[in-house]
């Protein structure tokens, strides 16, 4: 990675960051990790290890979710009267 590419990547990250979000829930760990990786590449050092997640994420069964969505889409919708059902009737 050239110095120009590194500067471009850092400038892109800076332009995408926001300063109006504060507090523990809004800590930008991604940008910080990317900066560490870029600096390691710049200095030709090994990449830093990724930290272990605080709690494991929920694993989704994508096929089960897809099958459920397809079943829900195929289920007959509740019939509600519409204005088109009044065609052909004369208005008083």
PDB file of N, CA and C in Angstrom:
ATOM      1  N   UNK A   1       0.861  -1.168   0.000  1.00  0.00           N
ATOM      2  CA  UNK A   1       0.000   0.000   0.000  1.00  0.00           C
ATOM      3  C   UNK A   1       0.909   1.232   0.000  1.00  0.00           C
ATOM      4  N   UNK A   2       0.647   2.120  -0.931  1.00  0.00           N
ATOM      5  CA  UNK A   2       1.483   3.312  -1.043  1.00  0.00           C
ATOM      6  C   UNK A   2       1.070   4.357  -0.003  1.00  0.00           C
ATOM      7  N   UNK A   3       1.949   5.311   0.197  1.00  0.00           N
ATOM      8  CA  UNK A   3       1.678   6.402   1.137  1.00  0.00           C
ATOM      9  C   UNK A   3       0.454   7.203   0.693  1.00  0.00           C
ATOM     10  N   UNK A   4       0.292   7.372  -0.621  1.00  0.00           N
ATOM     11  CA  UNK A   4      -0.859   8.098  -1.151  1.00  0.00           C
ATOM     12  C   UNK A   4      -2.159   7.352  -0.840  1.00  0.00           C
ATOM     13  N   UNK A   5      -2.148   6.025  -0.972  1.00  0.00           N
ATOM     14  CA  UNK A   5      -3.327   5.220  -0.663  1.00  0.00           C
ATOM     15  C   UNK A   5      -3.668   5.283   0.823  1.00  0.00           C
ATOM     16  N   UNK A   6      -2.643   5.263   1.660  1.00  0.00           N
ATOM     17  CA  UNK A   6      -2.855   5.339   3.109  1.00  0.00           C
ATOM     18  C   UNK A   6      -3.478   6.674   3.475  1.00  0.00           C
ATOM     19  N   UNK A   7      -2.933   7.754   2.926  1.00  0.00           N
ATOM     20  CA  UNK A   7      -3.486   9.079   3.214  1.00  0.00           C
ATOM     21  C   UNK A   7      -4.922   9.181   2.710  1.00  0.00           C
ATOM     22  N   UNK A   8      -5.203   8.608   1.557  1.00  0.00           N
ATOM     23  CA  UNK A   8      -6.557   8.621   1.023  1.00  0.00           C
ATOM     24  C   UNK A   8      -7.526   7.847   1.899  1.00  0.00           C
ATOM     25  N   UNK A   9      -7.086   6.690   2.410  1.00  0.00           N
ATOM     26  CA  UNK A   9      -7.937   5.886   3.286  1.00  0.00           C
ATOM     27  C   UNK A   9      -8.225   6.628   4.593  1.00  0.00           C
ATOM     28  N   UNK A  10      -7.202   7.250   5.161  1.00  0.00           N
ATOM     29  CA  UNK A  10      -7.397   8.009   6.403  1.00  0.00           C
ATOM     30  C   UNK A  10      -8.317   9.208   6.178  1.00  0.00           C
ATOM     31  N   UNK A  11      -8.171   9.882   5.028  1.00  0.00           N
ATOM     32  CA  UNK A  11      -9.029  11.029   4.729  1.00  0.00           C
ATOM     33  C   UNK A  11     -10.475  10.582   4.535  1.00  0.00           C
ATOM     34  N   UNK A  12     -10.668   9.435   3.882  1.00  0.00           N
ATOM     35  CA  UNK A  12     -12.013   8.906   3.683  1.00  0.00           C
ATOM     36  C   UNK A  12     -12.665   8.583   5.024  1.00  0.00           C
ATOM     37  N   UNK A  13     -11.923   7.927   5.905  1.00  0.00           N
ATOM     38  CA  UNK A  13     -12.482   7.596   7.229  1.00  0.00           C
ATOM     39  C   UNK A  13     -12.823   8.857   8.001  1.00  0.00           C
ATOM     40  N   UNK A  14     -11.973   9.856   7.912  1.00  0.00           N
ATOM     41  CA  UNK A  14     -12.230  11.113   8.626  1.00  0.00           C
ATOM     42  C   UNK A  14     -13.468  11.807   8.070  1.00  0.00           C
ATOM     43  N   UNK A  15     -13.649  11.762   6.756  1.00  0.00           N
ATOM     44  CA  UNK A  15     -14.811  12.420   6.163  1.00  0.00           C
ATOM     45  C   UNK A  15     -16.111  11.700   6.509  1.00  0.00           C
ATOM     46  N   UNK A  16     -16.034  10.425   6.811  1.00  0.00           N
ATOM     47  CA  UNK A  16     -17.230   9.650   7.118  1.00  0.00           C
ATOM     48  C   UNK A  16     -17.558   9.652   8.616  1.00  0.00           C
ATOM     49  N   UNK A  17     -16.665  10.157   9.425  1.00  0.00           N
ATOM     50  CA  UNK A  17     -16.902  10.144  10.875  1.00  0.00           C
ATOM     51  C   UNK A  17     -17.811  11.294  11.281  1.00  0.00           C
ATOM     52  N   UNK A  18     -18.467  11.114  12.417  1.00  0.00           N
ATOM     53  CA  UNK A  18     -19.375  12.139  12.943  1.00  0.00           C
ATOM     54  C   UNK A  18     -18.962  12.450  14.374  1.00  0.00           C
ATOM     55  N   UNK A  19     -18.996  13.718  14.714  1.00  0.00           N
ATOM     56  CA  UNK A  19     -18.627  14.148  16.060  1.00  0.00           C
ATOM     57  C   UNK A  19     -19.836  14.393  16.947  1.00  0.00           C
ATOM     58  N   UNK A  20     -21.050  14.331  16.384  1.00  0.00           N
ATOM     59  CA  UNK A  20     -22.232  14.665  17.169  1.00  0.00           C
ATOM     60  C   UNK A  20     -22.779  13.482  17.975  1.00  0.00           C
ATOM     61  N   UNK A  21     -22.164  12.326  17.877  1.00  0.00           N
ATOM     62  CA  UNK A  21     -22.604  11.175  18.656  1.00  0.00           C
ATOM     63  C   UNK A  21     -21.637  10.970  19.812  1.00  0.00           C
ATOM     64  N   UNK A  22     -22.163  10.975  21.005  1.00  0.00           N
ATOM     65  CA  UNK A  22     -21.317  10.844  22.186  1.00  0.00           C
ATOM     66  C   UNK A  22     -21.870   9.774  23.101  1.00  0.00           C
ATOM     67  N   UNK A  23     -21.051   9.356  24.046  1.00  0.00           N
ATOM     68  CA  UNK A  23     -21.477   8.367  25.016  1.00  0.00           C
ATOM     69  C   UNK A  23     -20.903   6.992  24.718  1.00  0.00           C
ATOM     70  N   UNK A  24     -21.020   6.107  25.681  1.00  0.00           N
ATOM     71  CA  UNK A  24     -20.444   4.763  25.579  1.00  0.00           C
ATOM     72  C   UNK A  24     -21.063   3.961  24.437  1.00  0.00           C
ATOM     73  N   UNK A  25     -22.350   4.139  24.194  1.00  0.00           N
ATOM     74  CA  UNK A  25     -23.029   3.369  23.149  1.00  0.00           C
ATOM     75  C   UNK A  25     -22.570   3.758  21.747  1.00  0.00           C
ATOM     76  N   UNK A  26     -21.924   4.911  21.604  1.00  0.00           N
ATOM     77  CA  UNK A  26     -21.545   5.404  20.291  1.00  0.00           C
ATOM     78  C   UNK A  26     -20.036   5.390  20.067  1.00  0.00           C
ATOM     79  N   UNK A  27     -19.323   4.525  20.733  1.00  0.00           N
ATOM     80  CA  UNK A  27     -17.877   4.448  20.559  1.00  0.00           C
ATOM     81  C   UNK A  27     -17.574   3.813  19.201  1.00  0.00           C
ATOM     82  N   UNK A  28     -16.756   4.478  18.395  1.00  0.00           N
ATOM     83  CA  UNK A  28     -16.425   4.026  17.052  1.00  0.00           C
ATOM     84  C   UNK A  28     -15.209   3.112  17.104  1.00  0.00           C
ATOM     85  N   UNK A  29     -15.437   1.848  17.369  1.00  0.00           N
ATOM     86  CA  UNK A  29     -14.332   0.896  17.459  1.00  0.00           C
ATOM     87  C   UNK A  29     -13.819   0.499  16.077  1.00  0.00           C
ATOM     88  N   UNK A  30     -14.674   0.570  15.070  1.00  0.00           N
ATOM     89  CA  UNK A  30     -14.269   0.192  13.712  1.00  0.00           C
ATOM     90  C   UNK A  30     -13.186   1.133  13.182  1.00  0.00           C
ATOM     91  N   UNK A  31     -13.436   2.425  13.273  1.00  0.00           N
ATOM     92  CA  UNK A  31     -12.457   3.389  12.761  1.00  0.00           C
ATOM     93  C   UNK A  31     -11.141   3.274  13.511  1.00  0.00           C
ATOM     94  N   UNK A  32     -11.224   3.091  14.822  1.00  0.00           N
ATOM     95  CA  UNK A  32     -10.000   2.948  15.618  1.00  0.00           C
ATOM     96  C   UNK A  32      -9.220   1.704  15.191  1.00  0.00           C
ATOM     97  N   UNK A  33      -9.923   0.599  14.963  1.00  0.00           N
ATOM     98  CA  UNK A  33      -9.259  -0.636  14.521  1.00  0.00           C
ATOM     99  C   UNK A  33      -8.641  -0.453  13.135  1.00  0.00           C
ATOM    100  N   UNK A  34      -9.361   0.234  12.243  1.00  0.00           N
ATOM    101  CA  UNK A  34      -8.823   0.465  10.899  1.00  0.00           C
ATOM    102  C   UNK A  34      -7.567   1.335  10.955  1.00  0.00           C
ATOM    103  N   UNK A  35      -7.559   2.323  11.818  1.00  0.00           N
ATOM    104  CA  UNK A  35      -6.368   3.166  11.963  1.00  0.00           C
ATOM    105  C   UNK A  35      -5.182   2.332  12.429  1.00  0.00           C
ATOM    106  N   UNK A  36      -5.411   1.416  13.364  1.00  0.00           N
ATOM    107  CA  UNK A  36      -4.332   0.557  13.860  1.00  0.00           C
ATOM    108  C   UNK A  36      -3.802  -0.346  12.744  1.00  0.00           C
ATOM    109  N   UNK A  37      -4.703  -0.878  11.926  1.00  0.00           N
ATOM    110  CA  UNK A  37      -4.280  -1.742  10.818  1.00  0.00           C
ATOM    111  C   UNK A  37      -3.482  -0.940   9.796  1.00  0.00           C
ATOM    112  N   UNK A  38      -3.945   0.260   9.462  1.00  0.00           N
ATOM    113  CA  UNK A  38      -3.250   1.096   8.484  1.00  0.00           C
ATOM    114  C   UNK A  38      -1.866   1.478   8.996  1.00  0.00           C
ATOM    115  N   UNK A  39      -1.777   1.846  10.263  1.00  0.00           N
ATOM    116  CA  UNK A  39      -0.480   2.208  10.833  1.00  0.00           C
ATOM    117  C   UNK A  39       0.464   1.008  10.854  1.00  0.00           C
ATOM    118  N   UNK A  40      -0.056  -0.186  11.152  1.00  0.00           N
ATOM    119  CA  UNK A  40       0.773  -1.386  11.147  1.00  0.00           C
ATOM    120  C   UNK A  40       1.305  -1.654   9.739  1.00  0.00           C
ATOM    121  N   UNK A  41       0.458  -1.474   8.711  1.00  0.00           N
ATOM    122  CA  UNK A  41       0.911  -1.668   7.330  1.00  0.00           C
ATOM    123  C   UNK A  41       1.960  -0.624   6.965  1.00  0.00           C
ATOM    124  N   UNK A  42       1.713   0.609   7.380  1.00  0.00           N
ATOM    125  CA  UNK A  42       2.643   1.699   7.068  1.00  0.00           C
ATOM    126  C   UNK A  42       4.027   1.406   7.648  1.00  0.00           C
ATOM    127  N   UNK A  43       4.061   0.885   8.859  1.00  0.00           N
ATOM    128  CA  UNK A  43       5.320   0.600   9.534  1.00  0.00           C
ATOM    129  C   UNK A  43       5.820  -0.814   9.264  1.00  0.00           C
ATOM    130  N   UNK A  44       5.123  -1.543   8.365  1.00  0.00           N
ATOM    131  CA  UNK A  44       5.483  -2.913   7.989  1.00  0.00           C
ATOM    132  C   UNK A  44       5.573  -3.828   9.199  1.00  0.00           C
ATOM    133  N   UNK A  45       4.596  -3.671  10.091  1.00  0.00           N
ATOM    134  CA  UNK A  45       4.478  -4.527  11.271  1.00  0.00           C
ATOM    135  C   UNK A  45       3.309  -5.471  11.065  1.00  0.00           C
ATOM    136  N   UNK A  46       3.248  -6.558  11.836  1.00  0.00           N
ATOM    137  CA  UNK A  46       2.086  -7.453  11.708  1.00  0.00           C
ATOM    138  C   UNK A  46       0.809  -6.752  12.156  1.00  0.00           C
ATOM    139  N   UNK A  47      -0.310  -7.160  11.532  1.00  0.00           N
ATOM    140  CA  UNK A  47      -1.600  -6.584  11.915  1.00  0.00           C
ATOM    141  C   UNK A  47      -1.906  -6.902  13.369  1.00  0.00           C
ATOM    142  N   UNK A  48      -2.544  -5.975  14.073  1.00  0.00           N
ATOM    143  CA  UNK A  48      -2.952  -6.262  15.461  1.00  0.00           C
ATOM    144  C   UNK A  48      -4.056  -7.313  15.471  1.00  0.00           C
ATOM    145  N   UNK A  49      -4.102  -8.116  16.522  1.00  0.00           N
ATOM    146  CA  UNK A  49      -5.144  -9.124  16.654  1.00  0.00           C
ATOM    147  C   UNK A  49      -6.487  -8.465  16.907  1.00  0.00           C
ATOM    148  N   UNK A  50      -7.508  -9.068  16.380  1.00  0.00           N
ATOM    149  CA  UNK A  50      -8.864  -8.568  16.611  1.00  0.00           C
ATOM    150  C   UNK A  50      -9.287  -8.939  18.028  1.00  0.00           C
ATOM    151  N   UNK A  51      -9.886  -8.012  18.757  1.00  0.00           N
ATOM    152  CA  UNK A  51     -10.342  -8.339  20.107  1.00  0.00           C
ATOM    153  C   UNK A  51     -11.528  -9.300  20.062  1.00  0.00           C
ATOM    154  N   UNK A  52     -11.642 -10.088  21.093  1.00  0.00           N
ATOM    155  CA  UNK A  52     -12.781 -10.993  21.208  1.00  0.00           C
ATOM    156  C   UNK A  52     -14.028 -10.167  21.493  1.00  0.00           C
ATOM    157  N   UNK A  53     -15.171 -10.520  20.916  1.00  0.00           N
ATOM    158  CA  UNK A  53     -16.400  -9.776  21.204  1.00  0.00           C
ATOM    159  C   UNK A  53     -16.789  -9.921  22.669  1.00  0.00           C
ATOM    160  N   UNK A  54     -17.419  -8.870  23.203  1.00  0.00           N
ATOM    161  CA  UNK A  54     -17.818  -8.894  24.611  1.00  0.00           C
ATOM    162  C   UNK A  54     -18.783 -10.032  24.882  1.00  0.00           C
ATOM    163  N   UNK A  55     -19.753 -10.209  24.016  1.00  0.00           N
ATOM    164  CA  UNK A  55     -20.671 -11.335  24.127  1.00  0.00           C
ATOM    165  C   UNK A  55     -20.919 -11.860  22.731  1.00  0.00           C
ATOM    166  N   UNK A  56     -21.025 -13.161  22.595  1.00  0.00           N
ATOM    167  CA  UNK A  56     -21.197 -13.696  21.247  1.00  0.00           C
ATOM    168  C   UNK A  56     -22.503 -13.237  20.622  1.00  0.00           C
ATOM    169  N   UNK A  57     -22.459 -13.021  19.330  1.00  0.00           N
ATOM    170  CA  UNK A  57     -23.648 -12.607  18.603  1.00  0.00           C
ATOM    171  C   UNK A  57     -24.598 -13.774  18.393  1.00  0.00           C
ATOM    172  N   UNK A  58     -25.826 -13.434  18.099  1.00  0.00           N
ATOM    173  CA  UNK A  58     -26.844 -14.457  17.863  1.00  0.00           C
ATOM    174  C   UNK A  58     -26.635 -15.050  16.469  1.00  0.00           C
ATOM    175  N   UNK A  59     -26.621 -16.367  16.384  1.00  0.00           N
ATOM    176  CA  UNK A  59     -26.451 -17.043  15.108  1.00  0.00           C
ATOM    177  C   UNK A  59     -27.830 -17.300  14.521  1.00  0.00           C
ATOM    178  N   UNK A  60     -28.021 -16.857  13.293  1.00  0.00           N
ATOM    179  CA  UNK A  60     -29.305 -17.034  12.633  1.00  0.00           C
ATOM    180  C   UNK A  60     -29.247 -18.197  11.660  1.00  0.00           C
ATOM    181  N   UNK A  61     -30.321 -18.960  11.619  1.00  0.00           N
ATOM    182  CA  UNK A  61     -30.468 -20.003  10.614  1.00  0.00           C
ATOM    183  C   UNK A  61     -31.119 -19.341   9.412  1.00  0.00           C
ATOM    184  N   UNK A  62     -30.316 -19.002   8.406  1.00  0.00           N
ATOM    185  CA  UNK A  62     -30.817 -18.248   7.270  1.00  0.00           C
ATOM    186  C   UNK A  62     -31.861 -19.020   6.472  1.00  0.00           C
ATOM    187  N   UNK A  63     -31.688 -20.329   6.340  1.00  0.00           N
ATOM    188  CA  UNK A  63     -32.676 -21.113   5.598  1.00  0.00           C
ATOM    189  C   UNK A  63     -34.022 -21.109   6.321  1.00  0.00           C
ATOM    190  N   UNK A  64     -34.004 -21.239   7.644  1.00  0.00           N
ATOM    191  CA  UNK A  64     -35.255 -21.219   8.401  1.00  0.00           C
ATOM    192  C   UNK A  64     -35.936 -19.855   8.266  1.00  0.00           C
ATOM    193  N   UNK A  65     -35.145 -18.779   8.318  1.00  0.00           N
ATOM    194  CA  UNK A  65     -35.710 -17.435   8.173  1.00  0.00           C
ATOM    195  C   UNK A  65     -36.294 -17.243   6.779  1.00  0.00           C
ATOM    196  N   UNK A  66     -35.617 -17.758   5.756  1.00  0.00           N
ATOM    197  CA  UNK A  66     -36.114 -17.650   4.392  1.00  0.00           C
ATOM    198  C   UNK A  66     -37.410 -18.434   4.218  1.00  0.00           C
ATOM    199  N   UNK A  67     -37.431 -19.669   4.741  1.00  0.00           N
ATOM    200  CA  UNK A  67     -38.642 -20.488   4.641  1.00  0.00           C
ATOM    201  C   UNK A  67     -39.821 -19.827   5.359  1.00  0.00           C
ATOM    202  N   UNK A  68     -39.568 -19.230   6.497  1.00  0.00           N
ATOM    203  CA  UNK A  68     -40.620 -18.538   7.240  1.00  0.00           C
ATOM    204  C   UNK A  68     -41.153 -17.345   6.445  1.00  0.00           C
ATOM    205  N   UNK A  69     -40.245 -16.588   5.830  1.00  0.00           N
ATOM    206  CA  UNK A  69     -40.662 -15.424   5.037  1.00  0.00           C
ATOM    207  C   UNK A  69     -41.476 -15.857   3.821  1.00  0.00           C
ATOM    208  N   UNK A  70     -41.067 -16.952   3.173  1.00  0.00           N
ATOM    209  CA  UNK A  70     -41.799 -17.441   2.007  1.00  0.00           C
ATOM    210  C   UNK A  70     -43.180 -17.930   2.427  1.00  0.00           C
ATOM    211  N   UNK A  71     -43.255 -18.653   3.540  1.00  0.00           N
ATOM    212  CA  UNK A  71     -44.545 -19.137   4.040  1.00  0.00           C
ATOM    213  C   UNK A  71     -45.473 -17.980   4.371  1.00  0.00           C
ATOM    214  N   UNK A  72     -44.925 -16.948   4.990  1.00  0.00           N
ATOM    215  CA  UNK A  72     -45.736 -15.784   5.345  1.00  0.00           C
ATOM    216  C   UNK A  72     -46.240 -15.077   4.084  1.00  0.00           C
ATOM    217  N   UNK A  73     -45.418 -15.041   3.053  1.00  0.00           N
ATOM    218  CA  UNK A  73     -45.819 -14.380   1.815  1.00  0.00           C
ATOM    219  C   UNK A  73     -46.894 -15.182   1.079  1.00  0.00           C
ATOM    220  N   UNK A  74     -46.850 -16.500   1.204  1.00  0.00           N
ATOM    221  CA  UNK A  74     -47.833 -17.348   0.530  1.00  0.00           C
ATOM    222  C   UNK A  74     -49.158 -17.418   1.277  1.00  0.00           C
ATOM    223  N   UNK A  75     -49.146 -17.121   2.579  1.00  0.00           N
ATOM    224  CA  UNK A  75     -50.367 -17.197   3.375  1.00  0.00           C
ATOM    225  C   UNK A  75     -51.388 -16.204   2.836  1.00  0.00           C
ATOM    226  N   UNK A  76     -52.673 -16.630   2.767  1.00  0.00           N
ATOM    227  CA  UNK A  76     -53.680 -15.696   2.256  1.00  0.00           C
ATOM    228  C   UNK A  76     -53.836 -14.503   3.190  1.00  0.00           C
ATOM    229  N   UNK A  77     -53.861 -13.339   2.596  1.00  0.00           N
ATOM    230  CA  UNK A  77     -54.024 -12.118   3.388  1.00  0.00           C
ATOM    231  C   UNK A  77     -55.465 -12.011   3.861  1.00  0.00           C
ATOM    232  N   UNK A  78     -55.661 -11.362   4.965  1.00  0.00           N
ATOM    233  CA  UNK A  78     -57.027 -11.144   5.472  1.00  0.00           C
ATOM    234  C   UNK A  78     -57.778 -10.309   4.458  1.00  0.00           C
ATOM    235  N   UNK A  79     -58.960 -10.754   4.084  1.00  0.00           N
ATOM    236  CA  UNK A  79     -59.740 -10.041   3.076  1.00  0.00           C
ATOM    237  C   UNK A  79     -60.432  -8.852   3.716  1.00  0.00           C
ATOM    238  N   UNK A  80     -60.226  -7.722   3.132  1.00  0.00           N
ATOM    239  CA  UNK A  80     -60.887  -6.508   3.599  1.00  0.00           C
ATOM    240  C   UNK A  80     -61.653  -5.926   2.431  1.00  0.00           C
ATOM    241  N   UNK A  81     -62.800  -5.352   2.696  1.00  0.00           N
ATOM    242  CA  UNK A  81     -63.565  -4.780   1.593  1.00  0.00           C
ATOM    243  C   UNK A  81     -62.796  -3.633   0.953  1.00  0.00           C
ATOM    244  N   UNK A  82     -62.889  -3.558  -0.340  1.00  0.00           N
ATOM    245  CA  UNK A  82     -62.226  -2.482  -1.061  1.00  0.00           C
ATOM    246  C   UNK A  82     -63.248  -1.737  -1.890  1.00  0.00           C
ATOM    247  N   UNK A  83     -62.868  -0.596  -2.367  1.00  0.00           N
ATOM    248  CA  UNK A  83     -63.764   0.199  -3.191  1.00  0.00           C
ATOM    249  C   UNK A  83     -64.027  -0.483  -4.523  1.00  0.00           C
ATOM    250  N   UNK A  84     -63.112  -1.305  -4.992  1.00  0.00           N
ATOM    251  CA  UNK A  84     -63.311  -1.948  -6.280  1.00  0.00           C
ATOM    252  C   UNK A  84     -64.426  -2.989  -6.215  1.00  0.00           C
ATOM    253  N   UNK A  85     -64.798  -3.465  -5.021  1.00  0.00           N
ATOM    254  CA  UNK A  85     -65.866  -4.447  -4.912  1.00  0.00           C
ATOM    255  C   UNK A  85     -67.235  -3.820  -5.146  1.00  0.00           C
ATOM    256  N   UNK A  86     -67.298  -2.500  -5.236  1.00  0.00           N
ATOM    257  CA  UNK A  86     -68.554  -1.795  -5.421  1.00  0.00           C
ATOM    258  C   UNK A  86     -68.813  -1.448  -6.881  1.00  0.00           C
ATOM    259  N   UNK A  87     -68.009  -1.957  -7.780  1.00  0.00           N
ATOM    260  CA  UNK A  87     -68.175  -1.634  -9.202  1.00  0.00           C
ATOM    261  C   UNK A  87     -69.538  -2.136  -9.699  1.00  0.00           C
ATOM    262  N   UNK A  88     -70.069  -1.402 -10.562  1.00  0.00           N
ATOM    263  CA  UNK A  88     -71.332  -1.806 -11.171  1.00  0.00           C
ATOM    264  C   UNK A  88     -72.552  -1.397 -10.363  1.00  0.00           C
ATOM    265  N   UNK A  89     -72.372  -0.975  -9.166  1.00  0.00           N
ATOM    266  CA  UNK A  89     -73.516  -0.532  -8.347  1.00  0.00           C
ATOM    267  C   UNK A  89     -73.801   0.915  -8.648  1.00  0.00           C
ATOM    268  N   UNK A  90     -75.082   1.224  -8.653  1.00  0.00           N
ATOM    269  CA  UNK A  90     -75.467   2.624  -8.843  1.00  0.00           C
ATOM    270  C   UNK A  90     -75.460   3.344  -7.522  1.00  0.00           C
ATOM    271  N   UNK A  91     -75.012   4.549  -7.576  1.00  0.00           N
ATOM    272  CA  UNK A  91     -75.041   5.371  -6.362  1.00  0.00           C
ATOM    273  C   UNK A  91     -76.401   6.050  -6.286  1.00  0.00           C
ATOM    274  N   UNK A  92     -76.958   6.158  -5.070  1.00  0.00           N
ATOM    275  CA  UNK A  92     -78.275   6.810  -4.940  1.00  0.00           C
ATOM    276  C   UNK A  92     -78.215   8.290  -5.191  1.00  0.00           C
TER     277      UNK A  92
END
